C-alpha cells in the first residue's frame, strides 16, 4: 500500500470509530456554507451529532446543523438553497437513502 492509501484508510477508520457518518454531496453551483463559499463539485460530508464537516481535498468547512427526521426516506441526496445577495446559501441537505434532513442555521 502506498502512504496515501494508508492515510486515507486511517482517516476513515478514525471517523468510523468516532461514530461519524459519511455521505457524498454534490453542489452543482458555488454554494455558501457557514459563511464560506465552496466551488461546485463533489464533496464528502461527515456528520456527528449536530455538526457536519464538508470537505474536498484541502477545502473544508464545519457547520452546526439541526438534524431532523422525515416520515419517508429520500430517494436521492438533494440540496436546498436561499439566495442571499446573489450568493446561494445552503439551507438544507436531504440525505439520499435515509430519512435524515440537515437544516443549517
C-alpha atoms as a PDB file:
ATOM      1  CA  UNK A   1       0.000   0.000   0.000  1.00  0.00           C
ATOM      2  CA  UNK A   2       1.169   3.489  -0.678  1.00  0.00           C
ATOM      3  CA  UNK A   3       1.344   6.047   2.107  1.00  0.00           C
ATOM      4  CA  UNK A   4      -1.620   7.941   0.654  1.00  0.00           C
ATOM      5  CA  UNK A   5      -3.873   4.881   0.685  1.00  0.00           C
ATOM      6  CA  UNK A   6      -2.763   4.060   4.235  1.00  0.00           C
ATOM      7  CA  UNK A   7      -3.510   7.617   5.353  1.00  0.00           C
ATOM      8  CA  UNK A   8      -6.977   7.555   3.780  1.00  0.00           C
ATOM      9  CA  UNK A   9      -7.728   4.185   5.387  1.00  0.00           C
ATOM     10  CA  UNK A  10      -6.589   5.514   8.759  1.00  0.00           C
ATOM     11  CA  UNK A  11      -8.741   8.644   8.431  1.00  0.00           C
ATOM     12  CA  UNK A  12     -11.815   6.570   7.562  1.00  0.00           C
ATOM     13  CA  UNK A  13     -11.162   4.202  10.466  1.00  0.00           C
ATOM     14  CA  UNK A  14     -10.895   7.131  12.894  1.00  0.00           C
ATOM     15  CA  UNK A  15     -14.101   8.677  11.540  1.00  0.00           C
ATOM     16  CA  UNK A  16     -15.995   5.407  11.883  1.00  0.00           C
ATOM     17  CA  UNK A  17     -14.607   4.759  15.355  1.00  0.00           C
ATOM     18  CA  UNK A  18     -15.710   8.225  16.439  1.00  0.00           C
ATOM     19  CA  UNK A  19     -19.264   7.476  15.326  1.00  0.00           C
ATOM     20  CA  UNK A  20     -19.227   9.885  12.393  1.00  0.00           C
ATOM     21  CA  UNK A  21     -21.499   9.047   9.478  1.00  0.00           C
ATOM     22  CA  UNK A  22     -20.128   9.726   5.994  1.00  0.00           C
ATOM     23  CA  UNK A  23     -22.086  10.747   2.898  1.00  0.00           C
ATOM     24  CA  UNK A  24     -21.396  12.246  -0.520  1.00  0.00           C
ATOM     25  CA  UNK A  25     -22.973  15.506  -1.637  1.00  0.00           C
ATOM     26  CA  UNK A  26     -22.730  17.360  -4.947  1.00  0.00           C
ATOM     27  CA  UNK A  27     -23.022  21.123  -5.247  1.00  0.00           C
ATOM     28  CA  UNK A  28     -23.996  21.998  -8.828  1.00  0.00           C
ATOM     29  CA  UNK A  29     -23.200  25.684  -8.294  1.00  0.00           C
ATOM     30  CA  UNK A  30     -20.984  27.730  -5.964  1.00  0.00           C
ATOM     31  CA  UNK A  31     -22.530  27.287  -2.516  1.00  0.00           C
ATOM     32  CA  UNK A  32     -22.122  29.111   0.778  1.00  0.00           C
ATOM     33  CA  UNK A  33     -21.929  27.021   3.955  1.00  0.00           C
ATOM     34  CA  UNK A  34     -21.289  28.652   7.354  1.00  0.00           C
ATOM     35  CA  UNK A  35     -20.170  31.827   5.603  1.00  0.00           C
ATOM     36  CA  UNK A  36     -17.610  30.052   3.418  1.00  0.00           C
ATOM     37  CA  UNK A  37     -18.094  29.708  -0.334  1.00  0.00           C
ATOM     38  CA  UNK A  38     -17.455  26.272  -1.817  1.00  0.00           C
ATOM     39  CA  UNK A  39     -16.930  25.676  -5.526  1.00  0.00           C
ATOM     40  CA  UNK A  40     -19.310  23.456  -7.456  1.00  0.00           C
ATOM     41  CA  UNK A  41     -18.321  19.787  -7.246  1.00  0.00           C
ATOM     42  CA  UNK A  42     -18.464  16.557  -5.259  1.00  0.00           C
ATOM     43  CA  UNK A  43     -17.793  16.698  -1.520  1.00  0.00           C
ATOM     44  CA  UNK A  44     -17.575  14.274   1.392  1.00  0.00           C
ATOM     45  CA  UNK A  45     -19.945  15.083   4.253  1.00  0.00           C
ATOM     46  CA  UNK A  46     -19.070  13.783   7.716  1.00  0.00           C
ATOM     47  CA  UNK A  47     -21.836  14.048  10.279  1.00  0.00           C
ATOM     48  CA  UNK A  48     -21.572  13.639  14.021  1.00  0.00           C
ATOM     49  CA  UNK A  49     -24.484  14.689  16.227  1.00  0.00           C
ATOM     50  CA  UNK A  50     -25.312  18.317  15.352  1.00  0.00           C
ATOM     51  CA  UNK A  51     -22.062  19.102  13.494  1.00  0.00           C
ATOM     52  CA  UNK A  52     -21.128  18.453   9.870  1.00  0.00           C
ATOM     53  CA  UNK A  53     -17.812  18.706   8.085  1.00  0.00           C
ATOM     54  CA  UNK A  54     -17.944  19.178   4.323  1.00  0.00           C
ATOM     55  CA  UNK A  55     -14.638  18.625   2.578  1.00  0.00           C
ATOM     56  CA  UNK A  56     -12.977  18.134  -0.771  1.00  0.00           C
ATOM     57  CA  UNK A  57      -9.213  17.933  -0.808  1.00  0.00           C
ATOM     58  CA  UNK A  58      -7.918  20.838   1.273  1.00  0.00           C
ATOM     59  CA  UNK A  59     -11.259  22.674   1.142  1.00  0.00           C
ATOM     60  CA  UNK A  60     -13.079  22.088   4.417  1.00  0.00           C
ATOM     61  CA  UNK A  61     -15.919  23.768   6.288  1.00  0.00           C
ATOM     62  CA  UNK A  62     -17.562  22.892   9.600  1.00  0.00           C
ATOM     63  CA  UNK A  63     -21.121  23.884  10.435  1.00  0.00           C
ATOM     64  CA  UNK A  64     -23.699  23.379  13.137  1.00  0.00           C
ATOM     65  CA  UNK A  65     -26.937  21.820  11.904  1.00  0.00           C
ATOM     66  CA  UNK A  66     -30.289  20.746  13.238  1.00  0.00           C
ATOM     67  CA  UNK A  67     -30.864  17.077  12.413  1.00  0.00           C
ATOM     68  CA  UNK A  68     -34.478  16.312  11.546  1.00  0.00           C
ATOM     69  CA  UNK A  69     -36.173  13.033  10.666  1.00  0.00           C
ATOM     70  CA  UNK A  70     -38.669  12.873   7.808  1.00  0.00           C
ATOM     71  CA  UNK A  71     -41.539  10.392   7.625  1.00  0.00           C
ATOM     72  CA  UNK A  72     -40.163   8.705   4.499  1.00  0.00           C
ATOM     73  CA  UNK A  73     -36.713   8.061   3.060  1.00  0.00           C
ATOM     74  CA  UNK A  74     -35.294  10.422   0.456  1.00  0.00           C
ATOM     75  CA  UNK A  75     -34.579   8.709  -2.864  1.00  0.00           C
ATOM     76  CA  UNK A  76     -31.501  10.854  -3.553  1.00  0.00           C
ATOM     77  CA  UNK A  77     -29.376  13.455  -1.831  1.00  0.00           C
ATOM     78  CA  UNK A  78     -30.596  16.973  -2.520  1.00  0.00           C
ATOM     79  CA  UNK A  79     -29.503  20.453  -1.503  1.00  0.00           C
ATOM     80  CA  UNK A  80     -31.867  23.351  -0.818  1.00  0.00           C
ATOM     81  CA  UNK A  81     -30.733  26.959  -1.116  1.00  0.00           C
ATOM     82  CA  UNK A  82     -31.676  30.511  -0.214  1.00  0.00           C
ATOM     83  CA  UNK A  83     -30.499  33.438  -2.331  1.00  0.00           C
ATOM     84  CA  UNK A  84     -28.628  35.888  -0.109  1.00  0.00           C
ATOM     85  CA  UNK A  85     -27.392  38.869  -2.070  1.00  0.00           C
ATOM     86  CA  UNK A  86     -26.699  36.851  -5.199  1.00  0.00           C
ATOM     87  CA  UNK A  87     -24.913  34.035  -3.329  1.00  0.00           C
ATOM     88  CA  UNK A  88     -26.571  30.675  -2.880  1.00  0.00           C
ATOM     89  CA  UNK A  89     -26.605  29.755   0.816  1.00  0.00           C
ATOM     90  CA  UNK A  90     -27.189  26.099   1.698  1.00  0.00           C
ATOM     91  CA  UNK A  91     -30.216  25.893   3.986  1.00  0.00           C
ATOM     92  CA  UNK A  92     -30.860  22.159   3.959  1.00  0.00           C
ATOM     93  CA  UNK A  93     -29.363  18.872   2.791  1.00  0.00           C
ATOM     94  CA  UNK A  94     -31.588  15.807   2.477  1.00  0.00           C
ATOM     95  CA  UNK A  95     -29.513  12.627   2.596  1.00  0.00           C
ATOM     96  CA  UNK A  96     -30.480  10.040  -0.045  1.00  0.00           C
ATOM     97  CA  UNK A  97     -31.324   6.553   1.213  1.00  0.00           C
ATOM     98  CA  UNK A  98     -32.154   7.916   4.664  1.00  0.00           C
ATOM     99  CA  UNK A  99     -34.908   9.922   6.251  1.00  0.00           C
ATOM    100  CA  UNK A 100     -32.352  12.423   7.636  1.00  0.00           C
ATOM    101  CA  UNK A 101     -32.559  16.118   6.865  1.00  0.00           C
ATOM    102  CA  UNK A 102     -29.797  18.554   7.889  1.00  0.00           C
ATOM    103  CA  UNK A 103     -31.059  22.094   8.477  1.00  0.00           C
ATOM    104  CA  UNK A 104     -28.370  24.808   8.509  1.00  0.00           C
ATOM    105  CA  UNK A 105     -28.775  27.842  10.783  1.00  0.00           C
END
